[in-house]
C-alpha atoms as a PDB file:
ATOM      1  CA  MET A   1     -16.589  -2.617  16.287  1.00  0.00           C
ATOM      2  CA  ILE A   2     -13.147  -0.719  16.099  1.00  0.00           C
ATOM      3  CA  LEU A   3     -11.772  -0.066  12.753  1.00  0.00           C
ATOM      4  CA  ILE A   4      -7.604  -0.349  12.731  1.00  0.00           C
ATOM      5  CA  ILE A   5      -5.839   1.818   9.948  1.00  0.00           C
ATOM      6  CA  LEU A   6      -2.646   0.199   9.257  1.00  0.00           C
ATOM      7  CA  ASP A   7       0.138   1.957   7.507  1.00  0.00           C
ATOM      8  CA  ARG A   8       2.087  -0.480   5.702  1.00  0.00           C
ATOM      9  CA  ASP A   9       6.134   0.515   5.047  1.00  0.00           C
ATOM     10  CA  GLY A  10       7.786   1.166   8.570  1.00  0.00           C
ATOM     11  CA  THR A  11       4.764   0.061  10.744  1.00  0.00           C
ATOM     12  CA  ILE A  12       3.893  -3.389   9.496  1.00  0.00           C
ATOM     13  CA  ILE A  13       7.006  -3.827   8.081  1.00  0.00           C
ATOM     14  CA  LYS A  14      10.071  -2.364   8.963  1.00  0.00           C
ATOM     15  CA  ASN A  15      11.139  -1.794   5.754  1.00  0.00           C
ATOM     16  CA  ASP A  16      10.893   2.387   4.938  1.00  0.00           C
ATOM     17  CA  ASP A  17      13.123   3.262   1.980  1.00  0.00           C
ATOM     18  CA  PHE A  18      10.989   2.587  -1.253  1.00  0.00           C
ATOM     19  CA  PHE A  19      10.370  -1.292  -0.284  1.00  0.00           C
ATOM     20  CA  GLY A  20      10.244  -3.489  -3.458  1.00  0.00           C
ATOM     21  CA  LYS A  21      12.690  -1.303  -5.746  1.00  0.00           C
ATOM     22  CA  ASN A  22      14.884  -4.305  -5.358  1.00  0.00           C
ATOM     23  CA  GLU A  23      14.375  -7.426  -6.793  1.00  0.00           C
ATOM     24  CA  ASN A  24      15.020  -9.705  -3.583  1.00  0.00           C
ATOM     25  CA  TRP A  25      12.680  -8.091  -1.543  1.00  0.00           C
ATOM     26  CA  ARG A  26      11.115 -11.432  -0.417  1.00  0.00           C
ATOM     27  CA  ASP A  27      14.570 -11.637   1.337  1.00  0.00           C
ATOM     28  CA  GLU A  28      14.627  -8.078   2.471  1.00  0.00           C
ATOM     29  CA  ILE A  29      11.338  -7.898   3.929  1.00  0.00           C
ATOM     30  CA  GLU A  30      11.580  -7.340   8.127  1.00  0.00           C
ATOM     31  CA  PHE A  31       8.431  -7.487   9.903  1.00  0.00           C
ATOM     32  CA  ASN A  32       7.576  -5.325  12.903  1.00  0.00           C
ATOM     33  CA  ILE A  33       6.850  -8.379  15.211  1.00  0.00           C
ATOM     34  CA  ALA A  34       5.907  -6.117  18.218  1.00  0.00           C
ATOM     35  CA  LEU A  35       3.399  -4.683  16.215  1.00  0.00           C
ATOM     36  CA  LEU A  36       2.328  -8.102  15.125  1.00  0.00           C
ATOM     37  CA  ARG A  37       2.048  -8.579  18.948  1.00  0.00           C
ATOM     38  CA  CYS A  38      -0.315  -6.120  19.503  1.00  0.00           C
ATOM     39  CA  LEU A  39      -2.325  -6.750  16.659  1.00  0.00           C
ATOM     40  CA  LYS A  40      -2.730 -10.162  18.156  1.00  0.00           C
ATOM     41  CA  TYR A  41      -3.946  -9.109  21.196  1.00  0.00           C
ATOM     42  CA  ILE A  42      -6.467  -7.003  19.705  1.00  0.00           C
ATOM     43  CA  ASP A  43      -8.026  -9.250  17.677  1.00  0.00           C
ATOM     44  CA  SER A  44      -7.984 -11.547  21.015  1.00  0.00           C
ATOM     45  CA  ASN A  45     -10.163  -9.053  22.919  1.00  0.00           C
ATOM     46  CA  TYR A  46     -12.100  -6.589  20.534  1.00  0.00           C
ATOM     47  CA  ILE A  47     -14.349  -7.212  16.580  1.00  0.00           C
ATOM     48  CA  THR A  48     -12.864  -5.266  14.150  1.00  0.00           C
ATOM     49  CA  LYS A  49     -12.035  -4.701  10.605  1.00  0.00           C
ATOM     50  CA  LYS A  50      -8.499  -4.077   9.784  1.00  0.00           C
ATOM     51  CA  LEU A  51      -7.882  -2.119   6.743  1.00  0.00           C
ATOM     52  CA  VAL A  52      -4.016  -1.332   4.966  1.00  0.00           C
ATOM     53  CA  ILE A  53      -3.685   2.042   3.630  1.00  0.00           C
ATOM     54  CA  SER A  54      -0.608   3.259   1.680  1.00  0.00           C
ATOM     55  CA  ASN A  55       1.092   5.545  -0.296  1.00  0.00           C
ATOM     56  CA  GLN A  56       3.126   4.205  -2.654  1.00  0.00           C
ATOM     57  CA  ALA A  57       5.163   7.030  -4.340  1.00  0.00           C
ATOM     58  CA  GLY A  58       7.643   4.296  -5.749  1.00  0.00           C
ATOM     59  CA  VAL A  59       5.593   3.842  -8.814  1.00  0.00           C
ATOM     60  CA  ALA A  60       5.734   6.973  -9.667  1.00  0.00           C
ATOM     61  CA  ARG A  61       9.068   7.559  -9.518  1.00  0.00           C
ATOM     62  CA  SER A  62       9.592   3.875 -11.424  1.00  0.00           C
ATOM     63  CA  LEU A  63      11.480   2.618  -9.085  1.00  0.00           C
ATOM     64  CA  PHE A  64       8.573  -0.263  -8.589  1.00  0.00           C
ATOM     65  CA  SER A  65       5.252  -1.460 -10.705  1.00  0.00           C
ATOM     66  CA  GLU A  66       1.864  -1.829  -9.230  1.00  0.00           C
ATOM     67  CA  LYS A  67       2.484  -5.508 -10.114  1.00  0.00           C
ATOM     68  CA  ARG A  68       5.126  -5.342  -7.306  1.00  0.00           C
ATOM     69  CA  VAL A  69       3.368  -3.271  -5.033  1.00  0.00           C
ATOM     70  CA  LYS A  70       0.438  -6.097  -5.180  1.00  0.00           C
ATOM     71  CA  GLU A  71       2.746  -8.683  -4.738  1.00  0.00           C
ATOM     72  CA  ILE A  72       4.334  -7.356  -2.107  1.00  0.00           C
ATOM     73  CA  ASN A  73       0.581  -6.463  -0.282  1.00  0.00           C
ATOM     74  CA  LYS A  74      -0.347 -10.392  -1.268  1.00  0.00           C
ATOM     75  CA  TYR A  75       3.056 -11.620   0.359  1.00  0.00           C
ATOM     76  CA  ILE A  76       2.469 -10.061   3.576  1.00  0.00           C
ATOM     77  CA  GLU A  77      -1.553 -10.743   3.776  1.00  0.00           C
ATOM     78  CA  LYS A  78      -0.070 -14.436   3.592  1.00  0.00           C
ATOM     79  CA  TYR A  79       2.142 -14.506   6.505  1.00  0.00           C
ATOM     80  CA  LEU A  80      -0.372 -12.352   8.745  1.00  0.00           C
ATOM     81  CA  GLY A  81      -2.709 -15.022   7.924  1.00  0.00           C
ATOM     82  CA  LYS A  82      -0.896 -18.080   8.853  1.00  0.00           C
ATOM     83  CA  ILE A  83      -0.364 -16.211  12.707  1.00  0.00           C
ATOM     84  CA  GLY A  84      -4.116 -15.770  12.869  1.00  0.00           C
ATOM     85  CA  ILE A  85      -4.249 -11.970  11.815  1.00  0.00           C
ATOM     86  CA  LYS A  86      -6.558 -10.965   8.920  1.00  0.00           C
ATOM     87  CA  ILE A  87      -6.444  -8.097   7.233  1.00  0.00           C
ATOM     88  CA  ASP A  88     -10.289  -6.694   5.585  1.00  0.00           C
ATOM     89  CA  ASP A  89      -8.951  -4.617   2.888  1.00  0.00           C
ATOM     90  CA  TRP A  90      -5.742  -3.380   1.085  1.00  0.00           C
ATOM     91  CA  GLN A  91      -5.585  -0.206  -0.481  1.00  0.00           C
ATOM     92  CA  TYR A  92      -2.670   1.897  -2.018  1.00  0.00           C
ATOM     93  CA  CYS A  93      -1.817   5.061  -3.668  1.00  0.00           C
ATOM     94  CA  PRO A  94       0.411   5.025  -6.468  1.00  0.00           C
ATOM     95  CA  HIS A  95      -0.152   8.493  -7.658  1.00  0.00           C
ATOM     96  CA  VAL A  96       2.150  11.987  -6.889  1.00  0.00           C
ATOM     97  CA  ASP A  97       0.116  15.208  -6.820  1.00  0.00           C
ATOM     98  CA  SER A  98       1.318  17.593  -9.592  1.00  0.00           C
ATOM     99  CA  ARG A  99       2.410  20.232  -7.143  1.00  0.00           C
ATOM    100  CA  TYR A 100       4.842  17.906  -5.625  1.00  0.00           C
ATOM    101  CA  ALA A 101       6.327  16.432  -8.746  1.00  0.00           C
ATOM    102  CA  LYS A 102       6.940  19.756 -10.394  1.00  0.00           C
ATOM    103  CA  SER A 103       8.775  20.915  -7.187  1.00  0.00           C
ATOM    104  CA  SER A 104      10.737  17.707  -6.490  1.00  0.00           C
ATOM    105  CA  LYS A 105      13.927  16.839  -7.626  1.00  0.00           C
ATOM    106  CA  TYR A 106      12.824  13.472  -9.225  1.00  0.00           C
ATOM    107  CA  GLU A 107      11.878  11.960 -11.972  1.00  0.00           C
ATOM    108  CA  PHE A 108       7.970  11.088 -12.083  1.00  0.00           C
ATOM    109  CA  ASN A 109       6.348   8.889 -14.806  1.00  0.00           C
ATOM    110  CA  LYS A 110       3.577  11.510 -15.873  1.00  0.00           C
ATOM    111  CA  GLU A 111       1.086   8.962 -16.040  1.00  0.00           C
ATOM    112  CA  TYR A 112       0.971   8.571 -11.770  1.00  0.00           C
ATOM    113  CA  VAL A 113       0.880  12.410 -11.422  1.00  0.00           C
ATOM    114  CA  LEU A 114      -2.431  13.937 -11.478  1.00  0.00           C
ATOM    115  CA  ASP A 115      -3.798  17.160 -10.091  1.00  0.00           C
ATOM    116  CA  LYS A 116      -5.672  15.500  -7.109  1.00  0.00           C
ATOM    117  CA  THR A 117      -4.673  12.114  -5.651  1.00  0.00           C
ATOM    118  CA  LYS A 118      -6.058  10.006  -2.995  1.00  0.00           C
ATOM    119  CA  ARG A 119      -2.864   9.727  -1.133  1.00  0.00           C
ATOM    120  CA  LYS A 120      -2.483   9.867   2.812  1.00  0.00           C
ATOM    121  CA  PRO A 121      -3.270  11.998   4.548  1.00  0.00           C
ATOM    122  CA  SER A 122      -6.600  12.290   2.295  1.00  0.00           C
ATOM    123  CA  ILE A 123      -9.440   9.907   3.694  1.00  0.00           C
ATOM    124  CA  SER A 124     -10.561   8.589   0.323  1.00  0.00           C
ATOM    125  CA  MET A 125      -8.558   5.217   0.137  1.00  0.00           C
ATOM    126  CA  ILE A 126     -10.196   4.485   3.592  1.00  0.00           C
ATOM    127  CA  LEU A 127     -13.718   5.304   2.208  1.00  0.00           C
ATOM    128  CA  ASP A 128     -13.219   3.379  -1.223  1.00  0.00           C
ATOM    129  CA  SER A 129     -11.864   0.581   1.561  1.00  0.00           C
ATOM    130  CA  LEU A 130     -14.860   0.753   3.527  1.00  0.00           C
ATOM    131  CA  SER A 131     -17.230   0.431   0.563  1.00  0.00           C
ATOM    132  CA  ARG A 132     -15.873  -2.367  -1.016  1.00  0.00           C
ATOM    133  CA  LEU A 133     -17.219  -3.508   3.081  1.00  0.00           C
ATOM    134  CA  ASN A 134     -20.229  -2.510   2.669  1.00  0.00           C
ATOM    135  CA  LEU A 135     -19.871  -0.284   5.370  1.00  0.00           C
ATOM    136  CA  GLN A 136     -19.375   3.582   6.767  1.00  0.00           C
ATOM    137  CA  LEU A 137     -17.333   5.096   9.717  1.00  0.00           C
ATOM    138  CA  LYS A 138     -20.560   5.740  11.583  1.00  0.00           C
ATOM    139  CA  ASP A 139     -20.341   1.782  12.182  1.00  0.00           C
ATOM    140  CA  PHE A 140     -17.322   1.855  14.213  1.00  0.00           C
ATOM    141  CA  GLU A 141     -17.281   2.968  17.964  1.00  0.00           C
ATOM    142  CA  SER A 142     -13.478   3.472  17.557  1.00  0.00           C
ATOM    143  CA  VAL A 143     -11.098   4.755  14.665  1.00  0.00           C
ATOM    144  CA  ILE A 144      -7.673   4.079  15.385  1.00  0.00           C
ATOM    145  CA  VAL A 145      -4.508   4.812  12.882  1.00  0.00           C
ATOM    146  CA  PHE A 146      -1.124   2.898  13.551  1.00  0.00           C
ATOM    147  CA  GLY A 147       1.165   4.482  11.591  1.00  0.00           C
ATOM    148  CA  ASP A 148       4.801   6.113  11.875  1.00  0.00           C
ATOM    149  CA  ARG A 149       4.967   9.508   9.834  1.00  0.00           C
ATOM    150  CA  GLU A 150       2.871  12.692   9.941  1.00  0.00           C
ATOM    151  CA  GLU A 151       1.261  11.505   6.756  1.00  0.00           C
ATOM    152  CA  ASP A 152      -0.278   8.767   9.380  1.00  0.00           C
ATOM    153  CA  LYS A 153      -1.295  11.461  12.172  1.00  0.00           C
ATOM    154  CA  LYS A 154      -2.529  13.631   9.864  1.00  0.00           C
ATOM    155  CA  LEU A 155      -4.811  11.127   8.005  1.00  0.00           C
ATOM    156  CA  ALA A 156      -6.243  10.215  11.806  1.00  0.00           C
ATOM    157  CA  GLU A 157      -6.904  13.916  12.811  1.00  0.00           C
ATOM    158  CA  ASN A 158      -8.919  13.787   9.061  1.00  0.00           C
ATOM    159  CA  LEU A 159     -10.636  11.133  10.179  1.00  0.00           C
ATOM    160  CA  LEU A 160     -11.681  12.431  13.840  1.00  0.00           C
ATOM    161  CA  ALA A 161      -9.774   9.320  14.744  1.00  0.00           C
ATOM    162  CA  LYS A 162      -6.814   8.461  17.445  1.00  0.00           C
ATOM    163  CA  PHE A 163      -3.134   7.813  16.689  1.00  0.00           C
ATOM    164  CA  ILE A 164      -0.604   5.493  17.934  1.00  0.00           C
ATOM    165  CA  ASN A 165       2.719   6.553  16.874  1.00  0.00           C
ATOM    166  CA  ILE A 166       4.419   3.054  16.900  1.00  0.00           C
ATOM    167  CA  ASN A 167       7.855   3.910  16.491  1.00  0.00           C
ATOM    168  CA  ASN A 168      10.587   2.809  19.219  1.00  0.00           C
ATOM    169  CA  LYS A 169       7.662   1.090  20.897  1.00  0.00           C
ATOM    170  CA  SER A 170       7.176  -2.631  21.913  1.00  0.00           C
ATOM    171  CA  GLY A 171       3.692  -4.066  21.815  1.00  0.00           C
ATOM    172  CA  GLN A 172       3.149  -3.989  25.156  1.00  0.00           C
ATOM    173  CA  GLU A 173       3.680  -0.186  24.953  1.00  0.00           C
ATOM    174  CA  MET A 174       1.458  -0.634  21.950  1.00  0.00           C
ATOM    175  CA  ILE A 175      -1.551  -2.581  23.637  1.00  0.00           C
ATOM    176  CA  SER A 176      -1.195  -0.386  26.682  1.00  0.00           C
ATOM    177  CA  ILE A 177      -2.100   3.124  24.640  1.00  0.00           C
ATOM    178  CA  PHE A 178      -4.533   0.999  22.214  1.00  0.00           C
ATOM    179  CA  ILE A 179      -6.808   0.005  25.869  1.00  0.00           C
ATOM    180  CA  GLN A 180      -6.088   3.435  27.399  1.00  0.00           C
ATOM    181  CA  MET A 181      -7.523   5.227  24.120  1.00  0.00           C
ATOM    182  CA  ILE A 182     -10.525   2.595  23.962  1.00  0.00           C
ATOM    183  CA  LEU A 183     -11.409   3.104  27.535  1.00  0.00           C
ATOM    184  CA  LYS A 184     -11.495   6.923  26.386  1.00  0.00           C
ATOM    185  CA  ILE A 185     -13.049   6.951  23.392  1.00  0.00           C
ATOM    186  CA  PRO A 186     -16.851   7.988  23.137  1.00  0.00           C
ATOM    187  CA  ASN A 187     -19.294   6.424  20.196  1.00  0.00           C
ATOM    188  CA  ARG A 188     -18.856   8.032  17.387  1.00  0.00           C
ATOM    189  CA  PRO A 189     -21.500  10.077  16.153  1.00  0.00           C
END
């Protein structure tokens, strides 16, 4: 079984500028069709569990609420379900760490500023997801993170996983990279 970890903004959807801050977000949403083609291929050929793991600092900046994050996640999940892509669990972190908040030019809602958060590249949200699914990392032959940012790459490093940077890649390119990774990845201990 393969664990697929997906970033949301900039990865599943192309929108990447605090998506959800506008009331008309449903009209603005743009799915990354190349990634969805890759996920359809993976689902057709491999047994997987798929997690969406997302940092949502827009909540801490009061750009949108946690309710909005959940609405968007449900909307995306429903769309993916219609095209045959099942997400096994969703996790997001609305918090920022206090050190970042102090050094930032932005104002933050104090309720969402913590000394320690579960934000990527921490693996905390992954472990929470797996716990909800009654699974552990050792249950997977391979773990692959799909993302568009350095924090996604570092998450993969922290998990001792592989990383596919989806930026400027076609669905076929992502499939080829995925296949190469699967062929080279030994069983996890």
